[in-house]
Amino acid sequence: MAVDHLSKGGPDGTTLGQSTTDKVSLYGVTPIVQRSGAAQATSAVGTASSTAVDTALKAAVIEIMNTLAAIGAWKGSA
């Protein structure tokens, strides 16, 4: 079986989608536009330590999990 590559070998690399409104997915799940939300703000977890799991850090981790599941990179269930 042959493998298809998404690269044209250009010096600037390869991108999926040209804008935040282009829909993208992996593994055959329904494509979605880029997610957005307050939990994605880098300032929400900027100085959190490994011992300080507060509400903002939990929200950020949940958003990461939801985003990965939505595009098909994370199964999201057992």
Protein backbone atom coordinates (compact mmCIF):
# COMPACT_ATOMS: atom_id res chain seq x y z
CA MET A 1 0.00 0.00 0.00
CA ALA A 2 1.36 3.43 -0.96
CA VAL A 3 1.38 6.36 1.45
CA ASP A 4 0.18 9.79 0.31
CA HIS A 5 2.13 12.77 1.61
CA LEU A 6 0.62 16.21 2.12
CA SER A 7 3.90 17.95 1.29
CA LYS A 8 5.06 19.50 -1.94
CA GLY A 9 8.60 19.72 -0.57
CA GLY A 10 8.60 23.52 -0.54
CA PRO A 11 11.12 25.37 1.64
CA ASP A 12 8.36 27.04 3.68
CA GLY A 13 6.65 23.81 4.74
CA THR A 14 3.02 22.67 4.55
CA THR A 15 -0.12 23.97 6.25
CA LEU A 16 -3.63 22.60 6.67
CA GLY A 17 -6.24 25.28 6.04
CA GLN A 18 -5.62 28.81 4.87
CA SER A 19 -7.69 30.60 7.52
CA THR A 20 -9.37 29.99 10.88
CA THR A 21 -12.65 29.36 9.04
CA ASP A 22 -11.28 26.52 6.89
CA LYS A 23 -12.48 23.18 8.21
CA VAL A 24 -9.87 20.54 9.16
CA SER A 25 -10.06 17.04 10.64
CA LEU A 26 -8.10 13.80 11.03
CA TYR A 27 -9.08 10.13 10.92
CA GLY A 28 -12.37 10.71 9.11
CA VAL A 29 -14.16 12.77 11.76
CA THR A 30 -16.32 15.70 10.64
CA PRO A 31 -14.09 18.68 9.81
CA ILE A 32 -14.42 21.78 12.03
CA VAL A 33 -13.24 25.39 11.95
CA GLN A 34 -10.57 26.52 14.42
CA ARG A 35 -11.94 26.52 17.96
CA SER A 36 -11.78 29.65 20.07
CA GLY A 37 -12.56 30.40 23.69
CA ALA A 38 -11.38 32.15 26.82
CA ALA A 39 -9.74 28.95 28.12
CA GLN A 40 -7.25 29.16 25.26
CA ALA A 41 -5.69 32.39 26.55
CA THR A 42 -2.04 31.72 27.42
CA SER A 43 -2.30 34.14 30.36
CA ALA A 44 -4.81 31.78 31.99
CA VAL A 45 -2.03 29.33 32.88
CA GLY A 46 1.07 31.49 32.47
CA THR A 47 2.65 30.92 35.87
CA ALA A 48 0.93 27.77 37.09
CA SER A 49 3.24 25.25 38.73
CA SER A 50 2.89 21.49 38.63
CA THR A 51 1.49 21.61 42.17
CA ALA A 52 -1.07 24.35 41.47
CA VAL A 53 -3.93 22.88 39.47
CA ASP A 54 -6.46 25.68 39.60
CA THR A 55 -9.67 26.33 37.69
CA ALA A 56 -7.94 28.15 34.82
CA LEU A 57 -5.45 25.32 34.32
CA LYS A 58 -8.22 22.71 34.40
CA ALA A 59 -10.20 24.72 31.84
CA ALA A 60 -7.16 24.97 29.57
CA VAL A 61 -6.48 21.23 29.74
CA ILE A 62 -10.14 20.43 29.05
CA GLU A 63 -10.09 22.78 26.03
CA ILE A 64 -6.96 21.06 24.69
CA MET A 65 -8.65 17.68 25.08
CA ASN A 66 -11.85 18.92 23.42
CA THR A 67 -9.94 20.45 20.51
CA LEU A 68 -7.89 17.30 19.89
CA ALA A 69 -11.04 15.17 20.06
CA ALA A 70 -12.95 17.51 17.73
CA ILE A 71 -10.34 17.28 14.97
CA GLY A 72 -9.88 13.55 15.47
CA ALA A 73 -6.37 13.60 16.92
CA TRP A 74 -7.62 12.31 20.29
CA LYS A 75 -10.29 9.66 20.48
CA GLY A 76 -12.04 11.30 23.40
CA SER A 77 -13.59 8.09 24.73
CA ALA A 78 -12.56 4.65 25.90
